[in-house]
Amino acid sequence: MPDRYITVSTKVRKELEEEARRLGVNISEVLRRALEEEVKKRRLEELRKKIEELAPVLERIRIEDIVKSIREDREAR
């Protein structure tokens, strides 16, 4: 499925917009990139928190048990 886009608008000081245009800043691209980076940053933070929550449970699982389970699963195929 192709990417679908929507229009998002924001207000900035008129002087800032004029200066950005004068300098040849692609405002849409800058805002799009900034939003993508912020979303990426927050996703990573969300994952970090989930990992911290799961750490106590994961610490109780022995590597040997994981290896044994994988081997048994492979042999059952």
C-alpha atoms as a PDB file:
ATOM      1  CA  MET A   1       0.000   0.000   0.000  1.00  0.00           C
ATOM      2  CA  PRO A   2       1.472   3.389  -0.920  1.00  0.00           C
ATOM      3  CA  ASP A   3       2.200   5.916   1.789  1.00  0.00           C
ATOM      4  CA  ARG A   4      -0.722   8.143   2.583  1.00  0.00           C
ATOM      5  CA  TYR A   5      -0.124  11.713   3.585  1.00  0.00           C
ATOM      6  CA  ILE A   6      -2.178  14.267   5.447  1.00  0.00           C
ATOM      7  CA  THR A   7      -1.609  17.968   5.894  1.00  0.00           C
ATOM      8  CA  VAL A   8      -0.441  19.135   9.303  1.00  0.00           C
ATOM      9  CA  SER A   9      -0.224  22.832   9.986  1.00  0.00           C
ATOM     10  CA  THR A  10       1.506  24.908  12.610  1.00  0.00           C
ATOM     11  CA  LYS A  11       1.937  28.552  13.455  1.00  0.00           C
ATOM     12  CA  VAL A  12       5.326  30.233  13.499  1.00  0.00           C
ATOM     13  CA  ARG A  13       6.372  33.838  13.868  1.00  0.00           C
ATOM     14  CA  LYS A  14       6.097  35.685  10.569  1.00  0.00           C
ATOM     15  CA  GLU A  15       9.710  36.847  10.833  1.00  0.00           C
ATOM     16  CA  LEU A  16      10.900  33.253  11.218  1.00  0.00           C
ATOM     17  CA  GLU A  17       9.014  32.120   8.125  1.00  0.00           C
ATOM     18  CA  GLU A  18      10.330  35.058   6.104  1.00  0.00           C
ATOM     19  CA  GLU A  19      13.922  34.393   7.194  1.00  0.00           C
ATOM     20  CA  ALA A  20      13.594  30.685   6.442  1.00  0.00           C
ATOM     21  CA  ARG A  21      12.297  31.429   2.944  1.00  0.00           C
ATOM     22  CA  ARG A  22      15.048  34.009   2.368  1.00  0.00           C
ATOM     23  CA  LEU A  23      17.638  31.391   3.338  1.00  0.00           C
ATOM     24  CA  GLY A  24      16.096  28.786   1.070  1.00  0.00           C
ATOM     25  CA  VAL A  25      14.959  26.518   3.892  1.00  0.00           C
ATOM     26  CA  ASN A  26      12.515  23.849   2.777  1.00  0.00           C
ATOM     27  CA  ILE A  27      10.119  24.343   5.683  1.00  0.00           C
ATOM     28  CA  SER A  28       8.004  21.276   4.945  1.00  0.00           C
ATOM     29  CA  GLU A  29      11.056  19.029   4.809  1.00  0.00           C
ATOM     30  CA  VAL A  30      12.508  20.438   8.034  1.00  0.00           C
ATOM     31  CA  LEU A  31       9.230  19.997   9.899  1.00  0.00           C
ATOM     32  CA  ARG A  32       8.686  16.505   8.471  1.00  0.00           C
ATOM     33  CA  ARG A  33      12.201  15.421   9.482  1.00  0.00           C
ATOM     34  CA  ALA A  34      11.847  16.937  12.958  1.00  0.00           C
ATOM     35  CA  LEU A  35       8.543  15.129  13.522  1.00  0.00           C
ATOM     36  CA  GLU A  36       9.975  11.825  12.299  1.00  0.00           C
ATOM     37  CA  GLU A  37      12.960  12.187  14.642  1.00  0.00           C
ATOM     38  CA  GLU A  38      10.746  13.032  17.609  1.00  0.00           C
ATOM     39  CA  VAL A  39       8.509  10.016  16.957  1.00  0.00           C
ATOM     40  CA  LYS A  40      11.575   7.780  16.643  1.00  0.00           C
ATOM     41  CA  LYS A  41      13.000   9.138  19.904  1.00  0.00           C
ATOM     42  CA  ARG A  42       9.754   8.543  21.771  1.00  0.00           C
ATOM     43  CA  ARG A  43       9.367   5.007  20.371  1.00  0.00           C
ATOM     44  CA  LEU A  44      12.849   4.165  21.591  1.00  0.00           C
ATOM     45  CA  GLU A  45      12.053   5.585  25.024  1.00  0.00           C
ATOM     46  CA  GLU A  46       8.839   3.558  25.106  1.00  0.00           C
ATOM     47  CA  LEU A  47      10.792   0.385  24.245  1.00  0.00           C
ATOM     48  CA  ARG A  48      13.417   1.168  26.883  1.00  0.00           C
ATOM     49  CA  LYS A  49      10.699   1.437  29.537  1.00  0.00           C
ATOM     50  CA  LYS A  50       9.120  -1.857  28.442  1.00  0.00           C
ATOM     51  CA  ILE A  51      12.503  -3.592  28.578  1.00  0.00           C
ATOM     52  CA  GLU A  52      13.057  -2.244  32.092  1.00  0.00           C
ATOM     53  CA  GLU A  53       9.662  -3.612  33.121  1.00  0.00           C
ATOM     54  CA  LEU A  54      10.453  -7.029  31.652  1.00  0.00           C
ATOM     55  CA  ALA A  55      14.030  -7.234  32.932  1.00  0.00           C
ATOM     56  CA  PRO A  56      13.168  -8.963  36.230  1.00  0.00           C
ATOM     57  CA  VAL A  57      11.251 -11.682  34.379  1.00  0.00           C
ATOM     58  CA  LEU A  58      13.878 -12.110  31.678  1.00  0.00           C
ATOM     59  CA  GLU A  59      16.657 -12.390  34.265  1.00  0.00           C
ATOM     60  CA  ARG A  60      14.999 -15.520  35.681  1.00  0.00           C
ATOM     61  CA  ILE A  61      15.132 -17.327  32.339  1.00  0.00           C
ATOM     62  CA  ARG A  62      18.300 -19.352  31.941  1.00  0.00           C
ATOM     63  CA  ILE A  63      20.073 -19.386  28.570  1.00  0.00           C
ATOM     64  CA  GLU A  64      20.347 -23.174  28.829  1.00  0.00           C
ATOM     65  CA  ASP A  65      16.551 -23.438  28.981  1.00  0.00           C
ATOM     66  CA  ILE A  66      16.195 -21.295  25.869  1.00  0.00           C
ATOM     67  CA  VAL A  67      18.754 -23.379  23.961  1.00  0.00           C
ATOM     68  CA  LYS A  68      17.060 -26.594  25.076  1.00  0.00           C
ATOM     69  CA  SER A  69      13.670 -25.320  23.965  1.00  0.00           C
ATOM     70  CA  ILE A  70      14.990 -24.296  20.545  1.00  0.00           C
ATOM     71  CA  ARG A  71      16.651 -27.678  20.049  1.00  0.00           C
ATOM     72  CA  GLU A  72      13.499 -29.540  21.013  1.00  0.00           C
ATOM     73  CA  ASP A  73      11.457 -27.426  18.646  1.00  0.00           C
ATOM     74  CA  ARG A  74      13.874 -28.066  15.765  1.00  0.00           C
ATOM     75  CA  GLU A  75      13.929 -31.796  16.401  1.00  0.00           C
ATOM     76  CA  ALA A  76      10.131 -31.935  16.445  1.00  0.00           C
ATOM     77  CA  ARG A  77       9.934 -30.623  12.859  1.00  0.00           C
END
